[in-house]
Amino acid sequence: MLTDLSHAIEHQTTLQLTYHRSDNQVVQRTVLPAALIFSEYYFYVAAYNAKYQTTLFYRADRIQAYRPADTVIQRTRAERFEDGQFRQRIQFMYPGQLLTLTFQFWGIVEAALDRLPTAKVIHRFHADGTAEPIKNEQHRNQQPAAGGSVVITAEVYGARGITMWLLSQGANVKVLAPASLVTSFKQELANIQARYN
């Protein structure tokens, strides 16, 4: 199947998929495959879905059947899927709109920068909360002294995947922007706390 999907990508062949979603529904989708991606233990097909006018991800092992579609989806060169840029901005294969995330981080700076390739440290703070000037590029990404923190900004696709990663950092993270993500993050934390009441 992966070979067939690779050929469909290479020849820009529109496919009709029979797909078993995670909620146990089986659906039919007409898509233009754009890339094969391996992430979090699975192969995914990144494919443009004209009905939703966006690139969506279909886990390869959930594709029950596929065939050339009766209709044709065409994309211009400017509209093509850029998988390299995409991989730098996606977390856990949850798509969404491109957003600029800003968060304060008390964890291991290198781990955050490795997880978020577009990330950049924009501020540093001492343990008492006072600002620490950034001396040079090497200093920018160094781990702060005990109790210190950094403010990181990064471009990411979608709130759901990045929220999962941020939550995995526990009390080492405070989301600062965008406001919509701060609100949804607070709600998720309230939902978690409600599980323990």
N, C-alpha and C. Protein backbone atom coordinates (compact mmCIF):
# COMPACT_ATOMS: atom_id res chain seq x y z
N MET A 1 0.82 -1.19 0.00
CA MET A 1 0.00 0.00 0.00
C MET A 1 0.87 1.27 0.00
N LEU A 2 1.94 1.27 0.78
CA LEU A 2 2.81 2.44 0.82
C LEU A 2 3.43 2.73 -0.54
N THR A 3 3.76 1.66 -1.27
CA THR A 3 4.31 1.83 -2.62
C THR A 3 3.26 2.44 -3.54
N ASP A 4 2.03 1.94 -3.46
CA ASP A 4 0.94 2.49 -4.28
C ASP A 4 0.69 3.95 -3.94
N LEU A 5 0.71 4.27 -2.65
CA LEU A 5 0.50 5.66 -2.24
C LEU A 5 1.64 6.55 -2.72
N SER A 6 2.85 6.04 -2.68
CA SER A 6 4.01 6.80 -3.19
C SER A 6 3.85 7.10 -4.67
N HIS A 7 3.37 6.11 -5.43
CA HIS A 7 3.13 6.34 -6.86
C HIS A 7 2.02 7.37 -7.07
N ALA A 8 0.98 7.32 -6.25
CA ALA A 8 -0.10 8.30 -6.37
C ALA A 8 0.41 9.70 -6.09
N ILE A 9 1.31 9.82 -5.12
CA ILE A 9 1.91 11.12 -4.81
C ILE A 9 2.76 11.59 -5.99
N GLU A 10 3.60 10.70 -6.49
CA GLU A 10 4.50 11.05 -7.59
C GLU A 10 3.74 11.48 -8.84
N HIS A 11 2.64 10.78 -9.14
CA HIS A 11 1.87 11.05 -10.37
C HIS A 11 0.66 11.95 -10.14
N GLN A 12 0.53 12.48 -8.91
CA GLN A 12 -0.58 13.37 -8.55
C GLN A 12 -1.93 12.77 -8.91
N THR A 13 -2.12 11.53 -8.46
CA THR A 13 -3.35 10.79 -8.72
C THR A 13 -4.34 11.00 -7.58
N THR A 14 -5.53 11.47 -7.89
CA THR A 14 -6.58 11.62 -6.90
C THR A 14 -7.10 10.23 -6.53
N LEU A 15 -7.26 9.98 -5.23
CA LEU A 15 -7.70 8.68 -4.75
C LEU A 15 -9.02 8.77 -3.99
N GLN A 16 -9.77 7.68 -4.07
CA GLN A 16 -10.97 7.48 -3.24
C GLN A 16 -10.55 6.53 -2.13
N LEU A 17 -10.61 7.00 -0.87
CA LEU A 17 -10.23 6.17 0.28
C LEU A 17 -11.46 5.70 1.03
N THR A 18 -11.41 4.48 1.51
CA THR A 18 -12.34 4.00 2.52
C THR A 18 -11.53 3.99 3.80
N TYR A 19 -11.94 4.83 4.76
CA TYR A 19 -11.11 5.10 5.92
C TYR A 19 -11.86 4.83 7.21
N HIS A 20 -11.22 4.11 8.12
CA HIS A 20 -11.78 3.79 9.43
C HIS A 20 -11.26 4.81 10.43
N ARG A 21 -12.12 5.74 10.83
CA ARG A 21 -11.70 6.82 11.74
C ARG A 21 -11.53 6.29 13.15
N SER A 22 -10.89 7.09 13.99
CA SER A 22 -10.63 6.68 15.38
C SER A 22 -11.92 6.56 16.19
N ASP A 23 -13.02 7.19 15.74
CA ASP A 23 -14.29 7.06 16.44
C ASP A 23 -15.12 5.88 15.91
N ASN A 24 -14.48 4.97 15.19
CA ASN A 24 -15.07 3.74 14.64
C ASN A 24 -16.02 3.97 13.47
N GLN A 25 -16.09 5.16 12.93
CA GLN A 25 -16.88 5.39 11.72
C GLN A 25 -16.03 5.07 10.50
N VAL A 26 -16.65 4.48 9.51
CA VAL A 26 -15.99 4.21 8.23
C VAL A 26 -16.53 5.23 7.24
N VAL A 27 -15.62 6.00 6.63
CA VAL A 27 -16.01 7.09 5.74
C VAL A 27 -15.31 6.95 4.39
N GLN A 28 -15.88 7.60 3.40
CA GLN A 28 -15.28 7.68 2.07
C GLN A 28 -14.69 9.08 1.92
N ARG A 29 -13.48 9.17 1.43
CA ARG A 29 -12.82 10.46 1.23
C ARG A 29 -12.15 10.49 -0.14
N THR A 30 -12.34 11.59 -0.84
CA THR A 30 -11.65 11.81 -2.11
C THR A 30 -10.52 12.79 -1.81
N VAL A 31 -9.29 12.34 -2.06
CA VAL A 31 -8.12 13.13 -1.64
C VAL A 31 -7.04 13.10 -2.71
N LEU A 32 -6.16 14.09 -2.62
CA LEU A 32 -4.97 14.13 -3.45
C LEU A 32 -3.77 13.93 -2.53
N PRO A 33 -3.20 12.70 -2.50
CA PRO A 33 -2.06 12.45 -1.62
C PRO A 33 -0.89 13.36 -1.94
N ALA A 34 -0.23 13.86 -0.87
CA ALA A 34 0.87 14.80 -1.06
C ALA A 34 2.18 14.32 -0.45
N ALA A 35 2.10 13.50 0.62
CA ALA A 35 3.33 13.05 1.28
C ALA A 35 3.02 11.86 2.18
N LEU A 36 4.03 11.03 2.38
CA LEU A 36 3.99 9.97 3.39
C LEU A 36 4.88 10.42 4.54
N ILE A 37 4.35 10.32 5.75
CA ILE A 37 5.08 10.77 6.93
C ILE A 37 5.03 9.69 7.99
N PHE A 38 6.17 9.43 8.63
CA PHE A 38 6.20 8.50 9.75
C PHE A 38 6.34 9.32 11.02
N SER A 39 5.42 9.12 11.97
CA SER A 39 5.45 9.87 13.22
C SER A 39 4.70 9.10 14.29
N GLU A 40 5.23 9.15 15.52
CA GLU A 40 4.57 8.50 16.66
C GLU A 40 4.10 7.09 16.31
N TYR A 41 5.00 6.28 15.76
CA TYR A 41 4.79 4.85 15.53
C TYR A 41 3.91 4.50 14.34
N TYR A 42 3.45 5.45 13.55
CA TYR A 42 2.55 5.16 12.44
C TYR A 42 2.99 5.88 11.17
N PHE A 43 2.61 5.33 10.03
CA PHE A 43 2.72 6.02 8.76
C PHE A 43 1.42 6.80 8.55
N TYR A 44 1.55 8.01 8.06
CA TYR A 44 0.41 8.86 7.74
C TYR A 44 0.51 9.29 6.29
N VAL A 45 -0.64 9.46 5.66
CA VAL A 45 -0.71 10.04 4.33
C VAL A 45 -1.22 11.46 4.51
N ALA A 46 -0.39 12.43 4.17
CA ALA A 46 -0.84 13.82 4.13
C ALA A 46 -1.51 14.00 2.78
N ALA A 47 -2.78 14.38 2.78
CA ALA A 47 -3.53 14.46 1.53
C ALA A 47 -4.46 15.66 1.54
N TYR A 48 -4.52 16.35 0.41
CA TYR A 48 -5.42 17.48 0.28
C TYR A 48 -6.83 16.96 0.11
N ASN A 49 -7.75 17.47 0.93
CA ASN A 49 -9.16 17.10 0.87
C ASN A 49 -9.91 18.33 0.39
N ALA A 50 -10.43 18.27 -0.84
CA ALA A 50 -11.10 19.43 -1.44
C ALA A 50 -12.37 19.80 -0.69
N LYS A 51 -13.06 18.83 -0.11
CA LYS A 51 -14.30 19.11 0.63
C LYS A 51 -14.01 20.05 1.80
N TYR A 52 -12.91 19.81 2.51
CA TYR A 52 -12.55 20.64 3.66
C TYR A 52 -11.52 21.71 3.30
N GLN A 53 -11.05 21.71 2.06
CA GLN A 53 -10.10 22.68 1.52
C GLN A 53 -8.85 22.82 2.40
N THR A 54 -8.32 21.68 2.83
CA THR A 54 -7.12 21.66 3.63
C THR A 54 -6.42 20.32 3.50
N THR A 55 -5.18 20.27 3.94
CA THR A 55 -4.44 19.01 3.98
C THR A 55 -4.77 18.32 5.30
N LEU A 56 -5.21 17.08 5.21
CA LEU A 56 -5.54 16.28 6.38
C LEU A 56 -4.63 15.06 6.43
N PHE A 57 -4.63 14.35 7.54
CA PHE A 57 -3.76 13.21 7.74
C PHE A 57 -4.57 11.96 7.95
N TYR A 58 -4.20 10.92 7.22
CA TYR A 58 -4.89 9.64 7.29
C TYR A 58 -3.86 8.59 7.69
N ARG A 59 -4.12 7.96 8.83
CA ARG A 59 -3.20 6.92 9.27
C ARG A 59 -3.28 5.76 8.29
N ALA A 60 -2.14 5.34 7.76
CA ALA A 60 -2.11 4.35 6.69
C ALA A 60 -2.77 3.03 7.10
N ASP A 61 -2.58 2.61 8.35
CA ASP A 61 -3.16 1.33 8.77
C ASP A 61 -4.68 1.39 8.93
N ARG A 62 -5.26 2.57 8.84
CA ARG A 62 -6.72 2.71 8.92
C ARG A 62 -7.37 2.83 7.55
N ILE A 63 -6.55 2.87 6.51
CA ILE A 63 -7.10 2.90 5.15
C ILE A 63 -7.51 1.47 4.80
N GLN A 64 -8.80 1.26 4.64
CA GLN A 64 -9.31 -0.09 4.36
C GLN A 64 -9.26 -0.42 2.88
N ALA A 65 -9.43 0.60 2.04
CA ALA A 65 -9.38 0.39 0.59
C ALA A 65 -9.06 1.72 -0.08
N TYR A 66 -8.52 1.63 -1.30
CA TYR A 66 -8.20 2.84 -2.06
C TYR A 66 -8.23 2.49 -3.53
N ARG A 67 -8.61 3.47 -4.33
CA ARG A 67 -8.64 3.31 -5.78
C ARG A 67 -8.58 4.69 -6.41
N PRO A 68 -8.20 4.76 -7.70
CA PRO A 68 -8.24 6.07 -8.36
C PRO A 68 -9.66 6.62 -8.33
N ALA A 69 -9.79 7.90 -8.05
CA ALA A 69 -11.11 8.52 -7.93
C ALA A 69 -11.67 8.87 -9.31
N ASP A 70 -13.00 9.01 -9.37
CA ASP A 70 -13.66 9.42 -10.60
C ASP A 70 -13.44 10.91 -10.87
N THR A 71 -13.29 11.68 -9.81
CA THR A 71 -13.03 13.11 -9.95
C THR A 71 -11.52 13.36 -9.79
N VAL A 72 -11.09 14.52 -10.24
CA VAL A 72 -9.67 14.86 -10.17
C VAL A 72 -9.50 16.13 -9.34
N ILE A 73 -8.58 16.08 -8.40
CA ILE A 73 -8.22 17.27 -7.63
C ILE A 73 -6.88 17.75 -8.17
N GLN A 74 -6.81 19.02 -8.51
CA GLN A 74 -5.55 19.58 -9.00
C GLN A 74 -5.13 20.72 -8.08
N ARG A 75 -3.84 20.79 -7.84
CA ARG A 75 -3.26 21.86 -7.01
C ARG A 75 -2.14 22.51 -7.81
N THR A 76 -2.04 23.82 -7.70
CA THR A 76 -0.96 24.51 -8.39
C THR A 76 0.35 24.27 -7.63
N ARG A 77 1.43 24.61 -8.26
CA ARG A 77 2.74 24.46 -7.62
C ARG A 77 2.81 25.29 -6.34
N ALA A 78 2.22 26.47 -6.35
CA ALA A 78 2.22 27.35 -5.17
C ALA A 78 1.39 26.75 -4.02
N GLU A 79 0.41 25.93 -4.35
CA GLU A 79 -0.46 25.34 -3.33
C GLU A 79 0.05 24.01 -2.80
N ARG A 80 1.14 23.52 -3.33
CA ARG A 80 1.60 22.19 -2.97
C ARG A 80 1.99 22.12 -1.48
N PHE A 81 1.94 20.93 -0.97
CA PHE A 81 2.26 20.64 0.43
C PHE A 81 3.77 20.62 0.61
N GLU A 82 4.27 21.41 1.56
CA GLU A 82 5.70 21.46 1.85
C GLU A 82 5.95 20.65 3.12
N ASP A 83 6.28 19.37 2.96
CA ASP A 83 6.39 18.50 4.13
C ASP A 83 7.53 18.88 5.07
N GLY A 84 8.62 19.42 4.56
CA GLY A 84 9.73 19.82 5.42
C GLY A 84 9.33 20.95 6.36
N GLN A 85 8.69 21.98 5.82
CA GLN A 85 8.21 23.08 6.65
C GLN A 85 7.13 22.60 7.61
N PHE A 86 6.28 21.73 7.12
CA PHE A 86 5.19 21.21 7.93
C PHE A 86 5.73 20.45 9.13
N ARG A 87 6.70 19.57 8.92
CA ARG A 87 7.25 18.75 10.01
C ARG A 87 7.86 19.59 11.12
N GLN A 88 8.33 20.78 10.78
CA GLN A 88 8.91 21.65 11.80
C GLN A 88 7.84 22.28 12.69
N ARG A 89 6.58 22.25 12.25
CA ARG A 89 5.54 22.99 12.95
C ARG A 89 4.40 22.12 13.48
N ILE A 90 4.46 20.81 13.30
CA ILE A 90 3.36 19.93 13.71
C ILE A 90 3.75 19.14 14.95
N GLN A 91 2.79 18.89 15.82
CA GLN A 91 3.01 18.09 17.01
C GLN A 91 1.99 16.96 17.04
N PHE A 92 2.44 15.74 17.16
CA PHE A 92 1.58 14.57 17.30
C PHE A 92 0.57 14.41 16.17
N MET A 93 0.89 14.89 14.99
CA MET A 93 0.07 14.69 13.79
C MET A 93 -1.36 15.21 13.93
N TYR A 94 -1.54 16.27 14.69
CA TYR A 94 -2.84 16.94 14.77
C TYR A 94 -2.76 18.21 13.95
N PRO A 95 -3.48 18.29 12.83
CA PRO A 95 -3.40 19.47 11.97
C PRO A 95 -4.20 20.63 12.56
N GLY A 96 -4.10 21.77 11.95
CA GLY A 96 -4.85 22.95 12.34
C GLY A 96 -4.23 24.17 11.69
N GLN A 97 -4.73 25.32 12.11
CA GLN A 97 -4.22 26.57 11.56
C GLN A 97 -2.84 26.87 12.13
N LEU A 98 -2.02 27.55 11.35
CA LEU A 98 -0.70 27.96 11.81
C LEU A 98 -0.88 29.05 12.87
N LEU A 99 -0.23 28.86 14.01
CA LEU A 99 -0.29 29.86 15.06
C LEU A 99 1.08 30.09 15.66
N THR A 100 1.25 31.26 16.24
CA THR A 100 2.50 31.60 16.92
C THR A 100 2.28 31.44 18.41
N LEU A 101 2.99 30.49 18.99
CA LEU A 101 2.87 30.14 20.39
C LEU A 101 3.96 30.86 21.18
N THR A 102 3.62 31.35 22.36
CA THR A 102 4.60 31.91 23.28
C THR A 102 4.35 31.31 24.65
N PHE A 103 5.40 30.80 25.29
CA PHE A 103 5.24 30.21 26.61
C PHE A 103 6.49 30.43 27.46
N GLN A 104 6.27 30.50 28.76
CA GLN A 104 7.38 30.58 29.70
C GLN A 104 7.71 29.16 30.12
N PHE A 105 9.01 28.87 30.23
CA PHE A 105 9.43 27.49 30.41
C PHE A 105 10.51 27.38 31.48
N TRP A 106 10.27 26.51 32.47
CA TRP A 106 11.21 26.25 33.55
C TRP A 106 11.91 24.90 33.37
N GLY A 107 11.62 24.20 32.29
CA GLY A 107 12.19 22.88 32.05
C GLY A 107 13.53 22.96 31.34
N ILE A 108 13.89 21.85 30.70
CA ILE A 108 15.17 21.77 29.99
C ILE A 108 15.01 22.47 28.64
N VAL A 109 15.69 23.60 28.50
CA VAL A 109 15.55 24.44 27.32
C VAL A 109 15.86 23.67 26.05
N GLU A 110 16.94 22.91 26.05
CA GLU A 110 17.34 22.15 24.88
C GLU A 110 16.24 21.19 24.42
N ALA A 111 15.53 20.57 25.37
CA ALA A 111 14.45 19.63 25.02
C ALA A 111 13.32 20.36 24.31
N ALA A 112 12.97 21.55 24.78
CA ALA A 112 11.91 22.32 24.13
C ALA A 112 12.32 22.75 22.73
N LEU A 113 13.55 23.20 22.58
CA LEU A 113 14.02 23.64 21.27
C LEU A 113 14.14 22.47 20.29
N ASP A 114 14.49 21.29 20.81
CA ASP A 114 14.55 20.11 19.95
C ASP A 114 13.16 19.68 19.50
N ARG A 115 12.18 19.78 20.40
CA ARG A 115 10.81 19.35 20.08
C ARG A 115 10.14 20.31 19.11
N LEU A 116 10.49 21.58 19.20
CA LEU A 116 9.86 22.62 18.39
C LEU A 116 10.92 23.29 17.51
N PRO A 117 11.18 22.76 16.33
CA PRO A 117 12.28 23.26 15.49
C PRO A 117 12.21 24.74 15.14
N THR A 118 11.02 25.35 15.17
CA THR A 118 10.92 26.78 14.85
C THR A 118 11.05 27.64 16.10
N ALA A 119 11.31 27.03 17.26
CA ALA A 119 11.35 27.76 18.53
C ALA A 119 12.55 28.66 18.65
N LYS A 120 12.34 29.75 19.39
CA LYS A 120 13.41 30.69 19.68
C LYS A 120 13.20 31.24 21.08
N VAL A 121 14.26 31.28 21.86
CA VAL A 121 14.21 31.90 23.18
C VAL A 121 14.23 33.41 22.99
N ILE A 122 13.22 34.11 23.54
CA ILE A 122 13.15 35.56 23.36
C ILE A 122 13.41 36.33 24.65
N HIS A 123 13.28 35.67 25.81
CA HIS A 123 13.57 36.31 27.10
C HIS A 123 14.14 35.27 28.05
N ARG A 124 14.91 35.75 29.01
CA ARG A 124 15.44 34.90 30.08
C ARG A 124 15.14 35.56 31.42
N PHE A 125 14.86 34.74 32.44
CA PHE A 125 14.56 35.26 33.77
C PHE A 125 15.34 34.51 34.83
N HIS A 126 15.80 35.25 35.85
CA HIS A 126 16.42 34.65 37.02
C HIS A 126 15.32 34.00 37.87
N ALA A 127 15.71 33.21 38.85
CA ALA A 127 14.76 32.52 39.72
C ALA A 127 13.83 33.49 40.45
N ASP A 128 14.31 34.70 40.75
CA ASP A 128 13.46 35.68 41.45
C ASP A 128 12.52 36.43 40.51
N GLY A 129 12.54 36.08 39.22
CA GLY A 129 11.63 36.69 38.25
C GLY A 129 12.17 37.92 37.55
N THR A 130 13.36 38.37 37.93
CA THR A 130 13.94 39.53 37.25
C THR A 130 14.52 39.10 35.89
N ALA A 131 14.44 40.03 34.95
CA ALA A 131 14.92 39.74 33.60
C ALA A 131 16.43 39.56 33.60
N GLU A 132 16.88 38.62 32.80
CA GLU A 132 18.31 38.36 32.60
C GLU A 132 18.63 38.74 31.16
N PRO A 133 19.51 39.72 30.94
CA PRO A 133 19.82 40.09 29.56
C PRO A 133 20.42 38.92 28.78
N ILE A 134 20.06 38.84 27.51
CA ILE A 134 20.64 37.82 26.64
C ILE A 134 21.95 38.39 26.10
N LYS A 135 23.06 37.76 26.49
CA LYS A 135 24.39 38.28 26.17
C LYS A 135 24.79 38.03 24.72
N ASN A 136 24.46 36.83 24.21
CA ASN A 136 24.82 36.46 22.84
C ASN A 136 23.98 35.25 22.44
N GLU A 137 24.13 34.81 21.21
CA GLU A 137 23.32 33.70 20.72
C GLU A 137 23.57 32.41 21.49
N GLN A 138 24.78 32.16 21.90
CA GLN A 138 25.08 30.95 22.67
C GLN A 138 24.39 31.01 24.03
N HIS A 139 24.42 32.18 24.66
CA HIS A 139 23.80 32.36 25.97
C HIS A 139 22.28 32.23 25.88
N ARG A 140 21.71 32.68 24.76
CA ARG A 140 20.25 32.66 24.57
C ARG A 140 19.65 31.28 24.89
N ASN A 141 20.29 30.23 24.42
CA ASN A 141 19.72 28.88 24.53
C ASN A 141 20.29 28.07 25.70
N GLN A 142 21.14 28.67 26.51
CA GLN A 142 21.68 27.94 27.66
C GLN A 142 20.61 27.76 28.74
N GLN A 143 20.77 26.68 29.48
CA GLN A 143 19.86 26.41 30.60
C GLN A 143 20.04 27.51 31.65
N PRO A 144 18.93 28.12 32.13
CA PRO A 144 19.07 29.12 33.19
C PRO A 144 19.53 28.48 34.50
N ALA A 145 20.02 29.30 35.40
CA ALA A 145 20.40 28.81 36.73
C ALA A 145 19.16 28.25 37.42
N ALA A 146 19.34 27.44 38.44
CA ALA A 146 18.24 26.78 39.15
C ALA A 146 17.11 27.76 39.46
N GLY A 147 15.91 27.38 39.08
CA GLY A 147 14.73 28.20 39.32
C GLY A 147 14.46 29.24 38.25
N GLY A 148 15.41 29.44 37.34
CA GLY A 148 15.23 30.42 36.27
C GLY A 148 14.35 29.88 35.16
N SER A 149 13.96 30.77 34.26
CA SER A 149 13.08 30.36 33.17
C SER A 149 13.44 31.12 31.90
N VAL A 150 12.85 30.67 30.80
CA VAL A 150 12.98 31.35 29.52
C VAL A 150 11.59 31.53 28.93
N VAL A 151 11.45 32.49 28.04
CA VAL A 151 10.23 32.63 27.25
C VAL A 151 10.58 32.21 25.83
N ILE A 152 9.78 31.30 25.31
CA ILE A 152 10.02 30.71 23.99
C ILE A 152 8.85 31.04 23.08
N THR A 153 9.15 31.35 21.84
CA THR A 153 8.11 31.52 20.83
C THR A 153 8.38 30.51 19.71
N ALA A 154 7.31 30.00 19.10
CA ALA A 154 7.43 29.02 18.02
C ALA A 154 6.18 29.05 17.16
N GLU A 155 6.35 28.72 15.88
CA GLU A 155 5.21 28.54 14.99
C GLU A 155 4.81 27.07 15.02
N VAL A 156 3.52 26.80 15.20
CA VAL A 156 3.02 25.43 15.24
C VAL A 156 1.69 25.36 14.50
N TYR A 157 1.37 24.17 14.00
CA TYR A 157 0.06 23.95 13.39
C TYR A 157 -0.87 23.35 14.43
N GLY A 158 -2.00 24.01 14.64
CA GLY A 158 -3.05 23.47 15.48
C GLY A 158 -2.75 23.51 16.96
N ALA A 159 -3.81 23.68 17.74
CA ALA A 159 -3.69 23.77 19.19
C ALA A 159 -3.65 22.41 19.87
N ARG A 160 -4.30 21.42 19.31
CA ARG A 160 -4.46 20.14 20.01
C ARG A 160 -3.13 19.42 20.25
N GLY A 161 -2.32 19.30 19.21
CA GLY A 161 -1.04 18.60 19.34
C GLY A 161 -0.09 19.32 20.27
N ILE A 162 0.01 20.64 20.14
CA ILE A 162 0.94 21.38 20.99
C ILE A 162 0.45 21.39 22.43
N THR A 163 -0.85 21.38 22.64
CA THR A 163 -1.39 21.31 24.00
C THR A 163 -0.98 20.00 24.66
N MET A 164 -1.00 18.91 23.91
CA MET A 164 -0.56 17.62 24.47
C MET A 164 0.89 17.70 24.93
N TRP A 165 1.76 18.30 24.10
CA TRP A 165 3.17 18.39 24.49
C TRP A 165 3.34 19.32 25.69
N LEU A 166 2.67 20.47 25.66
CA LEU A 166 2.78 21.41 26.77
C LEU A 166 2.32 20.78 28.08
N LEU A 167 1.21 20.04 28.05
CA LEU A 167 0.73 19.38 29.26
C LEU A 167 1.73 18.34 29.77
N SER A 168 2.47 17.74 28.86
CA SER A 168 3.46 16.73 29.29
C SER A 168 4.61 17.37 30.07
N GLN A 169 4.70 18.70 30.03
CA GLN A 169 5.77 19.40 30.75
C GLN A 169 5.36 19.80 32.17
N GLY A 170 4.11 19.49 32.54
CA GLY A 170 3.64 19.75 33.90
C GLY A 170 3.77 21.21 34.30
N ALA A 171 4.23 21.44 35.53
CA ALA A 171 4.34 22.80 36.07
C ALA A 171 5.52 23.57 35.49
N ASN A 172 6.25 22.99 34.57
CA ASN A 172 7.39 23.68 33.96
C ASN A 172 6.98 24.63 32.83
N VAL A 173 5.68 24.77 32.58
CA VAL A 173 5.26 25.60 31.45
C VAL A 173 4.08 26.50 31.84
N LYS A 174 4.10 27.70 31.26
CA LYS A 174 2.97 28.63 31.38
C LYS A 174 2.75 29.23 30.00
N VAL A 175 1.58 28.95 29.41
CA VAL A 175 1.26 29.46 28.07
C VAL A 175 0.93 30.94 28.17
N LEU A 176 1.55 31.75 27.32
CA LEU A 176 1.36 33.21 27.34
C LEU A 176 0.53 33.72 26.15
N ALA A 177 0.65 33.08 24.99
CA ALA A 177 -0.07 33.53 23.80
C ALA A 177 -0.11 32.39 22.79
N PRO A 178 -1.09 32.38 21.90
CA PRO A 178 -2.17 33.35 21.73
C PRO A 178 -3.24 33.19 22.81
N ALA A 179 -4.07 34.22 22.94
CA ALA A 179 -5.10 34.24 23.99
C ALA A 179 -6.02 33.02 23.89
N SER A 180 -6.36 32.61 22.67
CA SER A 180 -7.26 31.46 22.49
C SER A 180 -6.64 30.19 23.06
N LEU A 181 -5.32 30.03 22.91
CA LEU A 181 -4.65 28.85 23.44
C LEU A 181 -4.54 28.93 24.96
N VAL A 182 -4.32 30.12 25.51
CA VAL A 182 -4.29 30.30 26.96
C VAL A 182 -5.64 29.86 27.55
N THR A 183 -6.72 30.30 26.92
CA THR A 183 -8.07 29.96 27.39
C THR A 183 -8.31 28.46 27.31
N SER A 184 -7.97 27.82 26.18
CA SER A 184 -8.21 26.38 26.05
C SER A 184 -7.29 25.59 26.98
N PHE A 185 -6.08 26.08 27.22
CA PHE A 185 -5.16 25.42 28.13
C PHE A 185 -5.69 25.46 29.56
N LYS A 186 -6.20 26.62 29.98
CA LYS A 186 -6.80 26.74 31.32
C LYS A 186 -7.99 25.79 31.46
N GLN A 187 -8.80 25.70 30.39
CA GLN A 187 -9.96 24.80 30.44
C GLN A 187 -9.53 23.35 30.55
N GLU A 188 -8.48 22.99 29.82
CA GLU A 188 -7.97 21.62 29.89
C GLU A 188 -7.44 21.31 31.29
N LEU A 189 -6.76 22.27 31.90
CA LEU A 189 -6.27 22.08 33.27
C LEU A 189 -7.43 21.93 34.26
N ALA A 190 -8.50 22.71 34.06
CA ALA A 190 -9.69 22.58 34.92
C ALA A 190 -10.32 21.21 34.73
N ASN A 191 -10.36 20.72 33.49
CA ASN A 191 -10.92 19.39 33.22
C ASN A 191 -10.09 18.31 33.89
N ILE A 192 -8.77 18.47 33.88
CA ILE A 192 -7.89 17.50 34.55
C ILE A 192 -8.14 17.52 36.05
N GLN A 193 -8.22 18.72 36.62
CA GLN A 193 -8.45 18.84 38.06
C GLN A 193 -9.80 18.23 38.46
N ALA A 194 -10.81 18.41 37.60
CA ALA A 194 -12.15 17.87 37.90
C ALA A 194 -12.12 16.35 37.97
N ARG A 195 -11.21 15.70 37.29
CA ARG A 195 -11.09 14.24 37.37
C ARG A 195 -10.71 13.77 38.76
N TYR A 196 -10.09 14.64 39.54
CA TYR A 196 -9.61 14.28 40.87
C TYR A 196 -10.54 14.76 41.98
N ASN A 197 -11.65 15.34 41.66
CA ASN A 197 -12.62 15.79 42.68
C ASN A 197 -13.65 14.72 42.97
